[in-house]
Amino acid sequence: MGRPEPAGERLPGDRLDGAGLTVGRLAARFGLSRSTLLYYDRIGVLRPSIRSAAGYRLYGPDDVRRLAQICEYRRVGLPLAAVRRLLDDADDVAAALAVRLAALDREARELQRQRRAILDYLDDAGTPPAARFVAVLEAVGVDDGQRDRWHAAFERADPAEHQELLEFLRLPDASIAQIRARARATAP
């Protein structure tokens, strides 16, 4: 995918001196099951380049590099059909990754929609969580200026957690963006 891929962790006893690696050795080297490699062989994604005199599958250095590439493509969530195409035509990598990224973005939006729907369902009190949160802060004497400084400190300390809290409070995206922008603009 544009850079050299790791060949998997070498294990004691690994030999690539012409004898090759057995199915079990190669599987262990990449943290895969033996049956995964047998399946890859069956569907033609990774065929061993060597057979022992007894007919055992043995994998050479090119096979190890190919499996490293397969593992990298699978790590980013590409289906085996896409992996097979990319192994045959590496020019399509950027397009395949763009398609996968778009799918992940759609899934993330759908999961966020489901998360908010669940939170709405669980909020049987009828009062939005943000309003309850502000009411509690006001009840203990936190004014608007103190709340702004709290948001600013939270944003500086952990922006991702700050975002998560604001989402948990089910604030609209525009309100979250506004609060975070004001927090970043507030001097420490």
N, C-alpha and C. Protein backbone atom coordinates (compact mmCIF):
# COMPACT_ATOMS: atom_id res chain seq x y z
N MET A 1 0.84 -1.18 0.00
CA MET A 1 0.00 0.00 0.00
C MET A 1 0.88 1.24 0.00
N GLY A 2 1.88 1.22 -0.83
CA GLY A 2 2.71 2.39 -0.95
C GLY A 2 3.97 2.35 -0.11
N ARG A 3 4.04 1.46 0.87
CA ARG A 3 5.24 1.35 1.68
C ARG A 3 5.52 -0.13 1.89
N PRO A 4 6.77 -0.49 2.21
CA PRO A 4 7.05 -1.90 2.44
C PRO A 4 6.22 -2.42 3.59
N GLU A 5 5.69 -3.60 3.44
CA GLU A 5 4.86 -4.19 4.48
C GLU A 5 5.69 -5.13 5.34
N PRO A 6 5.34 -5.23 6.63
CA PRO A 6 6.07 -6.16 7.48
C PRO A 6 5.83 -7.58 7.02
N ALA A 7 6.81 -8.44 7.20
CA ALA A 7 6.68 -9.82 6.75
C ALA A 7 6.21 -10.73 7.86
N GLY A 8 5.69 -10.20 8.93
CA GLY A 8 5.27 -11.03 10.04
C GLY A 8 6.44 -11.27 10.97
N GLU A 9 6.15 -11.62 12.19
CA GLU A 9 7.20 -11.81 13.18
C GLU A 9 7.88 -13.15 12.97
N ARG A 10 9.20 -13.12 12.91
CA ARG A 10 9.94 -14.38 12.78
C ARG A 10 9.88 -15.14 14.09
N LEU A 11 9.74 -16.42 13.97
CA LEU A 11 9.69 -17.29 15.13
C LEU A 11 10.94 -18.15 15.17
N PRO A 12 11.33 -18.60 16.36
CA PRO A 12 12.48 -19.52 16.42
C PRO A 12 12.20 -20.74 15.54
N GLY A 13 13.17 -21.12 14.76
CA GLY A 13 12.99 -22.29 13.90
C GLY A 13 12.51 -21.96 12.50
N ASP A 14 12.15 -20.69 12.25
CA ASP A 14 11.74 -20.30 10.89
C ASP A 14 12.95 -20.41 9.97
N ARG A 15 12.73 -21.03 8.83
CA ARG A 15 13.80 -21.12 7.84
C ARG A 15 13.22 -20.76 6.50
N LEU A 16 13.92 -19.89 5.80
CA LEU A 16 13.54 -19.56 4.43
C LEU A 16 14.75 -19.82 3.54
N ASP A 17 15.37 -20.95 3.74
CA ASP A 17 16.60 -21.29 3.02
C ASP A 17 16.31 -22.22 1.85
N GLY A 18 15.13 -22.16 1.30
CA GLY A 18 14.79 -23.05 0.21
C GLY A 18 13.77 -24.09 0.65
N ALA A 19 13.78 -24.43 1.94
CA ALA A 19 12.82 -25.42 2.43
C ALA A 19 11.45 -24.79 2.61
N GLY A 20 11.41 -23.51 2.95
CA GLY A 20 10.13 -22.81 3.14
C GLY A 20 9.53 -23.05 4.50
N LEU A 21 8.43 -22.36 4.73
CA LEU A 21 7.70 -22.45 6.00
C LEU A 21 6.49 -23.36 5.82
N THR A 22 6.20 -24.15 6.82
CA THR A 22 5.00 -24.98 6.78
C THR A 22 3.77 -24.11 7.01
N VAL A 23 2.62 -24.67 6.77
CA VAL A 23 1.36 -23.96 6.99
C VAL A 23 1.28 -23.49 8.45
N GLY A 24 1.57 -24.38 9.37
CA GLY A 24 1.49 -24.04 10.79
C GLY A 24 2.46 -22.95 11.19
N ARG A 25 3.69 -23.00 10.68
CA ARG A 25 4.70 -22.00 11.00
C ARG A 25 4.31 -20.63 10.45
N LEU A 26 3.86 -20.62 9.20
CA LEU A 26 3.47 -19.34 8.59
C LEU A 26 2.25 -18.76 9.30
N ALA A 27 1.30 -19.61 9.62
CA ALA A 27 0.11 -19.15 10.33
C ALA A 27 0.50 -18.54 11.68
N ALA A 28 1.36 -19.22 12.42
CA ALA A 28 1.79 -18.71 13.72
C ALA A 28 2.54 -17.39 13.58
N ARG A 29 3.34 -17.30 12.55
CA ARG A 29 4.14 -16.09 12.32
C ARG A 29 3.26 -14.86 12.13
N PHE A 30 2.08 -15.05 11.54
CA PHE A 30 1.17 -13.93 11.28
C PHE A 30 -0.01 -13.88 12.23
N GLY A 31 -0.06 -14.78 13.19
CA GLY A 31 -1.16 -14.77 14.15
C GLY A 31 -2.47 -15.23 13.52
N LEU A 32 -2.38 -16.09 12.52
CA LEU A 32 -3.57 -16.60 11.84
C LEU A 32 -3.75 -18.07 12.20
N SER A 33 -4.92 -18.58 11.90
CA SER A 33 -5.13 -20.00 12.11
C SER A 33 -4.64 -20.77 10.88
N ARG A 34 -4.32 -22.00 11.09
CA ARG A 34 -3.90 -22.88 10.00
C ARG A 34 -5.02 -22.98 8.96
N SER A 35 -6.26 -23.06 9.45
CA SER A 35 -7.40 -23.19 8.53
C SER A 35 -7.55 -21.94 7.65
N THR A 36 -7.15 -20.77 8.14
CA THR A 36 -7.21 -19.55 7.32
C THR A 36 -6.29 -19.69 6.11
N LEU A 37 -5.07 -20.17 6.35
CA LEU A 37 -4.14 -20.35 5.22
C LEU A 37 -4.63 -21.41 4.25
N LEU A 38 -5.22 -22.48 4.77
CA LEU A 38 -5.76 -23.51 3.88
C LEU A 38 -6.91 -22.95 3.06
N TYR A 39 -7.72 -22.09 3.67
CA TYR A 39 -8.81 -21.44 2.95
C TYR A 39 -8.26 -20.50 1.87
N TYR A 40 -7.24 -19.71 2.22
CA TYR A 40 -6.62 -18.83 1.23
C TYR A 40 -6.08 -19.63 0.04
N ASP A 41 -5.53 -20.79 0.31
CA ASP A 41 -5.05 -21.66 -0.76
C ASP A 41 -6.23 -22.14 -1.61
N ARG A 42 -7.28 -22.59 -0.95
CA ARG A 42 -8.44 -23.13 -1.66
C ARG A 42 -9.08 -22.10 -2.60
N ILE A 43 -9.14 -20.82 -2.16
CA ILE A 43 -9.78 -19.79 -3.00
C ILE A 43 -8.78 -19.08 -3.91
N GLY A 44 -7.50 -19.45 -3.81
CA GLY A 44 -6.51 -18.92 -4.72
C GLY A 44 -5.90 -17.58 -4.35
N VAL A 45 -6.09 -17.14 -3.12
CA VAL A 45 -5.51 -15.87 -2.69
C VAL A 45 -4.03 -16.04 -2.34
N LEU A 46 -3.70 -17.16 -1.73
CA LEU A 46 -2.31 -17.44 -1.36
C LEU A 46 -2.05 -18.93 -1.56
N ARG A 47 -1.37 -19.23 -2.63
CA ARG A 47 -1.00 -20.62 -2.92
C ARG A 47 0.47 -20.81 -2.57
N PRO A 48 0.80 -21.90 -1.89
CA PRO A 48 2.20 -22.14 -1.56
C PRO A 48 3.01 -22.36 -2.84
N SER A 49 4.20 -21.80 -2.86
CA SER A 49 5.02 -21.92 -4.07
C SER A 49 5.85 -23.19 -4.08
N ILE A 50 5.87 -23.89 -2.96
CA ILE A 50 6.71 -25.09 -2.85
C ILE A 50 5.86 -26.23 -2.28
N ARG A 51 6.15 -27.43 -2.75
CA ARG A 51 5.57 -28.65 -2.16
C ARG A 51 6.74 -29.55 -1.76
N SER A 52 6.65 -30.09 -0.57
CA SER A 52 7.71 -31.00 -0.13
C SER A 52 7.58 -32.32 -0.90
N ALA A 53 8.58 -33.16 -0.76
CA ALA A 53 8.55 -34.48 -1.42
C ALA A 53 7.33 -35.27 -0.96
N ALA A 54 6.89 -35.01 0.27
CA ALA A 54 5.72 -35.71 0.81
C ALA A 54 4.41 -35.00 0.46
N GLY A 55 4.49 -33.89 -0.29
CA GLY A 55 3.28 -33.18 -0.70
C GLY A 55 2.81 -32.10 0.24
N TYR A 56 3.59 -31.78 1.27
CA TYR A 56 3.21 -30.73 2.21
C TYR A 56 3.38 -29.36 1.57
N ARG A 57 2.49 -28.45 1.93
CA ARG A 57 2.58 -27.07 1.47
C ARG A 57 3.74 -26.39 2.19
N LEU A 58 4.57 -25.68 1.43
CA LEU A 58 5.66 -24.89 1.99
C LEU A 58 5.63 -23.51 1.34
N TYR A 59 5.86 -22.50 2.15
CA TYR A 59 5.77 -21.12 1.68
C TYR A 59 7.15 -20.49 1.66
N GLY A 60 7.49 -19.88 0.52
CA GLY A 60 8.76 -19.22 0.35
C GLY A 60 8.67 -17.73 0.65
N PRO A 61 9.77 -16.99 0.46
CA PRO A 61 9.82 -15.55 0.77
C PRO A 61 8.75 -14.74 0.02
N ASP A 62 8.50 -15.05 -1.25
CA ASP A 62 7.46 -14.31 -1.98
C ASP A 62 6.09 -14.56 -1.39
N ASP A 63 5.85 -15.79 -0.94
CA ASP A 63 4.57 -16.10 -0.30
C ASP A 63 4.40 -15.34 1.01
N VAL A 64 5.51 -15.22 1.75
CA VAL A 64 5.47 -14.49 3.02
C VAL A 64 5.14 -13.02 2.75
N ARG A 65 5.77 -12.43 1.74
CA ARG A 65 5.48 -11.03 1.40
C ARG A 65 4.03 -10.88 0.94
N ARG A 66 3.54 -11.83 0.16
CA ARG A 66 2.15 -11.77 -0.31
C ARG A 66 1.19 -11.86 0.89
N LEU A 67 1.46 -12.74 1.84
CA LEU A 67 0.60 -12.85 3.01
C LEU A 67 0.64 -11.57 3.85
N ALA A 68 1.81 -10.95 3.94
CA ALA A 68 1.90 -9.67 4.67
C ALA A 68 0.98 -8.65 4.01
N GLN A 69 0.96 -8.60 2.69
CA GLN A 69 0.10 -7.67 1.98
C GLN A 69 -1.38 -8.02 2.21
N ILE A 70 -1.69 -9.30 2.15
CA ILE A 70 -3.08 -9.74 2.41
C ILE A 70 -3.51 -9.28 3.81
N CYS A 71 -2.65 -9.51 4.79
CA CYS A 71 -2.99 -9.13 6.17
C CYS A 71 -3.19 -7.62 6.30
N GLU A 72 -2.38 -6.85 5.60
CA GLU A 72 -2.53 -5.39 5.65
C GLU A 72 -3.86 -4.96 5.04
N TYR A 73 -4.21 -5.53 3.91
CA TYR A 73 -5.49 -5.20 3.28
C TYR A 73 -6.66 -5.63 4.16
N ARG A 74 -6.56 -6.81 4.78
CA ARG A 74 -7.63 -7.28 5.66
C ARG A 74 -7.72 -6.40 6.91
N ARG A 75 -6.57 -5.90 7.39
CA ARG A 75 -6.55 -5.05 8.58
C ARG A 75 -7.38 -3.78 8.38
N VAL A 76 -7.41 -3.27 7.15
CA VAL A 76 -8.22 -2.08 6.88
C VAL A 76 -9.64 -2.43 6.47
N GLY A 77 -9.96 -3.73 6.53
CA GLY A 77 -11.34 -4.14 6.33
C GLY A 77 -11.73 -4.49 4.91
N LEU A 78 -10.75 -4.64 4.03
CA LEU A 78 -11.11 -4.99 2.65
C LEU A 78 -11.55 -6.45 2.58
N PRO A 79 -12.62 -6.72 1.85
CA PRO A 79 -13.06 -8.11 1.68
C PRO A 79 -12.07 -8.88 0.82
N LEU A 80 -12.09 -10.20 0.94
CA LEU A 80 -11.13 -11.03 0.21
C LEU A 80 -11.24 -10.85 -1.30
N ALA A 81 -12.44 -10.62 -1.83
CA ALA A 81 -12.57 -10.41 -3.28
C ALA A 81 -11.77 -9.18 -3.71
N ALA A 82 -11.84 -8.11 -2.92
CA ALA A 82 -11.07 -6.90 -3.23
C ALA A 82 -9.58 -7.15 -3.05
N VAL A 83 -9.22 -7.91 -2.02
CA VAL A 83 -7.81 -8.24 -1.78
C VAL A 83 -7.25 -8.98 -2.99
N ARG A 84 -7.99 -9.96 -3.47
CA ARG A 84 -7.51 -10.73 -4.64
C ARG A 84 -7.29 -9.80 -5.83
N ARG A 85 -8.23 -8.88 -6.08
CA ARG A 85 -8.07 -7.94 -7.20
C ARG A 85 -6.84 -7.06 -7.01
N LEU A 86 -6.63 -6.58 -5.78
CA LEU A 86 -5.49 -5.70 -5.52
C LEU A 86 -4.15 -6.42 -5.64
N LEU A 87 -4.13 -7.68 -5.27
CA LEU A 87 -2.89 -8.44 -5.40
C LEU A 87 -2.52 -8.60 -6.87
N ASP A 88 -3.54 -8.66 -7.73
CA ASP A 88 -3.30 -8.80 -9.16
C ASP A 88 -3.05 -7.46 -9.84
N ASP A 89 -3.61 -6.36 -9.28
CA ASP A 89 -3.48 -5.04 -9.89
C ASP A 89 -3.36 -3.99 -8.80
N ALA A 90 -2.14 -3.74 -8.35
CA ALA A 90 -1.90 -2.82 -7.25
C ALA A 90 -2.23 -1.37 -7.60
N ASP A 91 -2.49 -1.06 -8.87
CA ASP A 91 -2.82 0.30 -9.25
C ASP A 91 -4.17 0.74 -8.69
N ASP A 92 -5.01 -0.20 -8.28
CA ASP A 92 -6.35 0.12 -7.79
C ASP A 92 -6.41 0.32 -6.28
N VAL A 93 -5.28 0.34 -5.60
CA VAL A 93 -5.26 0.43 -4.14
C VAL A 93 -5.96 1.70 -3.66
N ALA A 94 -5.63 2.84 -4.19
CA ALA A 94 -6.23 4.10 -3.74
C ALA A 94 -7.74 4.08 -3.92
N ALA A 95 -8.20 3.58 -5.05
CA ALA A 95 -9.65 3.52 -5.30
C ALA A 95 -10.33 2.57 -4.31
N ALA A 96 -9.73 1.42 -4.07
CA ALA A 96 -10.31 0.45 -3.14
C ALA A 96 -10.37 1.02 -1.72
N LEU A 97 -9.31 1.72 -1.33
CA LEU A 97 -9.30 2.32 0.00
C LEU A 97 -10.31 3.45 0.12
N ALA A 98 -10.49 4.21 -0.95
CA ALA A 98 -11.49 5.29 -0.93
C ALA A 98 -12.90 4.71 -0.78
N VAL A 99 -13.17 3.62 -1.47
CA VAL A 99 -14.47 2.95 -1.34
C VAL A 99 -14.66 2.45 0.08
N ARG A 100 -13.61 1.84 0.67
CA ARG A 100 -13.71 1.33 2.04
C ARG A 100 -13.91 2.47 3.02
N LEU A 101 -13.21 3.58 2.83
CA LEU A 101 -13.35 4.72 3.72
C LEU A 101 -14.77 5.29 3.65
N ALA A 102 -15.33 5.38 2.46
CA ALA A 102 -16.70 5.87 2.32
C ALA A 102 -17.67 4.95 3.04
N ALA A 103 -17.44 3.63 2.94
CA ALA A 103 -18.30 2.68 3.64
C ALA A 103 -18.18 2.84 5.15
N LEU A 104 -16.96 3.02 5.64
CA LEU A 104 -16.76 3.24 7.08
C LEU A 104 -17.45 4.52 7.54
N ASP A 105 -17.35 5.58 6.73
CA ASP A 105 -18.03 6.83 7.09
C ASP A 105 -19.54 6.63 7.18
N ARG A 106 -20.11 5.88 6.23
CA ARG A 106 -21.56 5.60 6.28
C ARG A 106 -21.90 4.80 7.53
N GLU A 107 -21.09 3.78 7.83
CA GLU A 107 -21.33 2.96 9.01
C GLU A 107 -21.23 3.81 10.28
N ALA A 108 -20.24 4.69 10.35
CA ALA A 108 -20.06 5.54 11.53
C ALA A 108 -21.26 6.47 11.71
N ARG A 109 -21.74 7.05 10.61
CA ARG A 109 -22.93 7.93 10.70
C ARG A 109 -24.15 7.14 11.17
N GLU A 110 -24.30 5.93 10.66
CA GLU A 110 -25.44 5.10 11.06
C GLU A 110 -25.33 4.70 12.52
N LEU A 111 -24.14 4.34 12.96
CA LEU A 111 -23.96 3.99 14.37
C LEU A 111 -24.22 5.19 15.28
N GLN A 112 -23.80 6.36 14.85
CA GLN A 112 -24.05 7.58 15.64
C GLN A 112 -25.55 7.86 15.70
N ARG A 113 -26.25 7.67 14.57
CA ARG A 113 -27.70 7.86 14.55
C ARG A 113 -28.37 6.87 15.51
N GLN A 114 -27.94 5.61 15.49
CA GLN A 114 -28.51 4.60 16.38
C GLN A 114 -28.21 4.93 17.84
N ARG A 115 -26.99 5.40 18.10
CA ARG A 115 -26.61 5.76 19.47
C ARG A 115 -27.51 6.87 20.01
N ARG A 116 -27.71 7.88 19.18
CA ARG A 116 -28.57 8.99 19.62
C ARG A 116 -30.01 8.54 19.80
N ALA A 117 -30.49 7.64 18.94
CA ALA A 117 -31.85 7.11 19.07
C ALA A 117 -32.00 6.34 20.38
N ILE A 118 -30.99 5.56 20.73
CA ILE A 118 -31.04 4.81 21.99
C ILE A 118 -31.05 5.77 23.17
N LEU A 119 -30.20 6.79 23.12
CA LEU A 119 -30.17 7.78 24.20
C LEU A 119 -31.52 8.49 24.32
N ASP A 120 -32.12 8.82 23.18
CA ASP A 120 -33.45 9.45 23.20
C ASP A 120 -34.46 8.52 23.86
N TYR A 121 -34.39 7.25 23.50
CA TYR A 121 -35.32 6.28 24.05
C TYR A 121 -35.15 6.14 25.56
N LEU A 122 -33.90 6.13 26.01
CA LEU A 122 -33.63 5.96 27.44
C LEU A 122 -33.95 7.20 28.26
N ASP A 123 -34.06 8.34 27.61
CA ASP A 123 -34.33 9.59 28.32
C ASP A 123 -35.84 9.74 28.52
N ASP A 124 -36.37 9.03 29.49
CA ASP A 124 -37.81 9.08 29.70
C ASP A 124 -38.24 10.27 30.54
N ALA A 125 -37.30 11.02 31.08
CA ALA A 125 -37.65 12.18 31.89
C ALA A 125 -38.16 13.33 31.03
N GLY A 126 -37.87 13.31 29.74
CA GLY A 126 -38.37 14.36 28.85
C GLY A 126 -37.49 15.59 28.79
N THR A 127 -36.60 15.73 29.73
CA THR A 127 -35.71 16.89 29.72
C THR A 127 -34.41 16.47 29.04
N PRO A 128 -33.98 17.25 28.06
CA PRO A 128 -32.71 16.90 27.39
C PRO A 128 -31.57 16.84 28.41
N PRO A 129 -30.64 15.90 28.22
CA PRO A 129 -29.55 15.76 29.19
C PRO A 129 -28.74 17.03 29.35
N ALA A 130 -28.56 17.80 28.29
CA ALA A 130 -27.78 19.04 28.38
C ALA A 130 -28.47 20.01 29.35
N ALA A 131 -29.78 20.11 29.26
CA ALA A 131 -30.51 21.01 30.15
C ALA A 131 -30.39 20.53 31.60
N ARG A 132 -30.46 19.22 31.82
CA ARG A 132 -30.30 18.69 33.19
C ARG A 132 -28.90 18.98 33.71
N PHE A 133 -27.90 18.82 32.83
CA PHE A 133 -26.51 19.06 33.20
C PHE A 133 -26.31 20.53 33.61
N VAL A 134 -26.80 21.44 32.80
CA VAL A 134 -26.68 22.87 33.11
C VAL A 134 -27.42 23.20 34.39
N ALA A 135 -28.60 22.60 34.60
CA ALA A 135 -29.37 22.86 35.82
C ALA A 135 -28.59 22.42 37.06
N VAL A 136 -27.91 21.29 36.98
CA VAL A 136 -27.11 20.81 38.11
C VAL A 136 -25.95 21.78 38.36
N LEU A 137 -25.28 22.21 37.27
CA LEU A 137 -24.18 23.15 37.44
C LEU A 137 -24.65 24.45 38.09
N GLU A 138 -25.78 24.95 37.64
CA GLU A 138 -26.32 26.20 38.21
C GLU A 138 -26.73 26.00 39.66
N ALA A 139 -27.25 24.82 39.98
CA ALA A 139 -27.67 24.54 41.36
C ALA A 139 -26.51 24.56 42.33
N VAL A 140 -25.31 24.24 41.86
CA VAL A 140 -24.14 24.28 42.74
C VAL A 140 -23.36 25.58 42.60
N GLY A 141 -23.93 26.54 41.87
CA GLY A 141 -23.35 27.87 41.81
C GLY A 141 -22.40 28.13 40.66
N VAL A 142 -22.37 27.28 39.64
CA VAL A 142 -21.48 27.51 38.50
C VAL A 142 -22.17 28.48 37.55
N ASP A 143 -21.52 29.63 37.29
CA ASP A 143 -22.11 30.61 36.37
C ASP A 143 -21.60 30.39 34.95
N ASP A 144 -22.07 31.20 34.00
CA ASP A 144 -21.70 31.04 32.60
C ASP A 144 -20.19 31.16 32.39
N GLY A 145 -19.55 32.10 33.04
CA GLY A 145 -18.10 32.28 32.88
C GLY A 145 -17.32 31.08 33.38
N GLN A 146 -17.73 30.55 34.53
CA GLN A 146 -17.07 29.36 35.06
C GLN A 146 -17.29 28.16 34.14
N ARG A 147 -18.50 28.05 33.59
CA ARG A 147 -18.79 26.95 32.67
C ARG A 147 -17.92 27.07 31.42
N ASP A 148 -17.76 28.29 30.90
CA ASP A 148 -16.91 28.49 29.72
C ASP A 148 -15.46 28.11 30.02
N ARG A 149 -14.95 28.48 31.20
CA ARG A 149 -13.58 28.13 31.58
C ARG A 149 -13.44 26.61 31.75
N TRP A 150 -14.48 25.96 32.28
CA TRP A 150 -14.47 24.51 32.43
C TRP A 150 -14.37 23.84 31.06
N HIS A 151 -15.20 24.31 30.10
CA HIS A 151 -15.15 23.76 28.74
C HIS A 151 -13.76 23.98 28.12
N ALA A 152 -13.19 25.16 28.34
CA ALA A 152 -11.87 25.46 27.78
C ALA A 152 -10.81 24.52 28.36
N ALA A 153 -10.86 24.30 29.68
CA ALA A 153 -9.89 23.41 30.31
C ALA A 153 -10.07 21.97 29.82
N PHE A 154 -11.31 21.55 29.67
CA PHE A 154 -11.60 20.19 29.20
C PHE A 154 -11.11 20.03 27.76
N GLU A 155 -11.35 21.03 26.93
CA GLU A 155 -10.93 20.98 25.52
C GLU A 155 -9.41 20.88 25.42
N ARG A 156 -8.70 21.65 26.24
CA ARG A 156 -7.23 21.60 26.22
C ARG A 156 -6.71 20.26 26.74
N ALA A 157 -7.34 19.74 27.79
CA ALA A 157 -6.86 18.51 28.41
C ALA A 157 -7.12 17.27 27.56
N ASP A 158 -8.31 17.20 26.95
CA ASP A 158 -8.66 15.99 26.19
C ASP A 158 -9.79 16.31 25.21
N PRO A 159 -9.43 16.82 24.03
CA PRO A 159 -10.46 17.21 23.06
C PRO A 159 -11.42 16.08 22.69
N ALA A 160 -10.91 14.87 22.56
CA ALA A 160 -11.77 13.75 22.16
C ALA A 160 -12.81 13.45 23.25
N GLU A 161 -12.38 13.45 24.51
CA GLU A 161 -13.32 13.21 25.62
C GLU A 161 -14.33 14.35 25.73
N HIS A 162 -13.87 15.56 25.48
CA HIS A 162 -14.78 16.71 25.52
C HIS A 162 -15.87 16.53 24.45
N GLN A 163 -15.45 16.16 23.24
CA GLN A 163 -16.39 15.89 22.15
C GLN A 163 -17.39 14.80 22.57
N GLU A 164 -16.85 13.74 23.17
CA GLU A 164 -17.70 12.62 23.57
C GLU A 164 -18.74 13.05 24.60
N LEU A 165 -18.33 13.86 25.57
CA LEU A 165 -19.28 14.35 26.57
C LEU A 165 -20.37 15.18 25.91
N LEU A 166 -20.00 16.08 25.02
CA LEU A 166 -20.99 16.93 24.37
C LEU A 166 -21.96 16.09 23.53
N GLU A 167 -21.44 15.06 22.89
CA GLU A 167 -22.32 14.15 22.13
C GLU A 167 -23.23 13.38 23.07
N PHE A 168 -22.68 12.95 24.22
CA PHE A 168 -23.49 12.25 25.21
C PHE A 168 -24.65 13.12 25.68
N LEU A 169 -24.40 14.41 25.79
CA LEU A 169 -25.45 15.35 26.20
C LEU A 169 -26.45 15.62 25.08
N ARG A 170 -26.20 14.98 23.94
CA ARG A 170 -27.06 15.05 22.75
C ARG A 170 -27.29 16.48 22.26
N LEU A 171 -26.23 17.23 22.30
CA LEU A 171 -26.31 18.57 21.73
C LEU A 171 -26.26 18.45 20.22
N PRO A 172 -26.90 19.35 19.51
CA PRO A 172 -26.80 19.33 18.05
C PRO A 172 -25.35 19.56 17.62
N ASP A 173 -24.99 19.02 16.47
CA ASP A 173 -23.61 19.15 15.98
C ASP A 173 -23.16 20.61 15.90
N ALA A 174 -24.06 21.49 15.49
CA ALA A 174 -23.71 22.91 15.39
C ALA A 174 -23.39 23.49 16.76
N SER A 175 -24.15 23.10 17.78
CA SER A 175 -23.89 23.59 19.14
C SER A 175 -22.57 23.05 19.66
N ILE A 176 -22.28 21.78 19.36
CA ILE A 176 -21.01 21.19 19.79
C ILE A 176 -19.85 21.96 19.15
N ALA A 177 -19.95 22.21 17.86
CA ALA A 177 -18.89 22.94 17.16
C ALA A 177 -18.71 24.33 17.77
N GLN A 178 -19.81 24.99 18.10
CA GLN A 178 -19.75 26.34 18.67
C GLN A 178 -19.10 26.31 20.06
N ILE A 179 -19.50 25.37 20.90
CA ILE A 179 -18.93 25.27 22.25
C ILE A 179 -17.44 24.98 22.18
N ARG A 180 -17.05 24.06 21.30
CA ARG A 180 -15.63 23.70 21.20
C ARG A 180 -14.81 24.86 20.63
N ALA A 181 -15.35 25.58 19.67
CA ALA A 181 -14.62 26.72 19.10
C ALA A 181 -14.44 27.80 20.17
N ARG A 182 -15.50 28.07 20.95
CA ARG A 182 -15.40 29.07 22.01
C ARG A 182 -14.40 28.59 23.07
N ALA A 183 -14.39 27.29 23.36
CA ALA A 183 -13.46 26.74 24.36
C ALA A 183 -12.02 26.89 23.89
N ARG A 184 -11.77 26.62 22.60
CA ARG A 184 -10.41 26.77 22.08
C ARG A 184 -9.96 28.23 22.06
N ALA A 185 -10.91 29.14 21.91
CA ALA A 185 -10.58 30.58 21.85
C ALA A 185 -10.39 31.19 23.24
N THR A 186 -10.87 30.50 24.28
CA THR A 186 -10.76 31.02 25.63
C THR A 186 -9.34 30.83 26.14
N ALA A 187 -8.76 31.92 26.60
CA ALA A 187 -7.38 31.87 27.10
C ALA A 187 -7.31 31.05 28.38
N PRO A 188 -6.19 30.33 28.57
CA PRO A 188 -6.04 29.52 29.80
C PRO A 188 -5.91 30.36 31.04
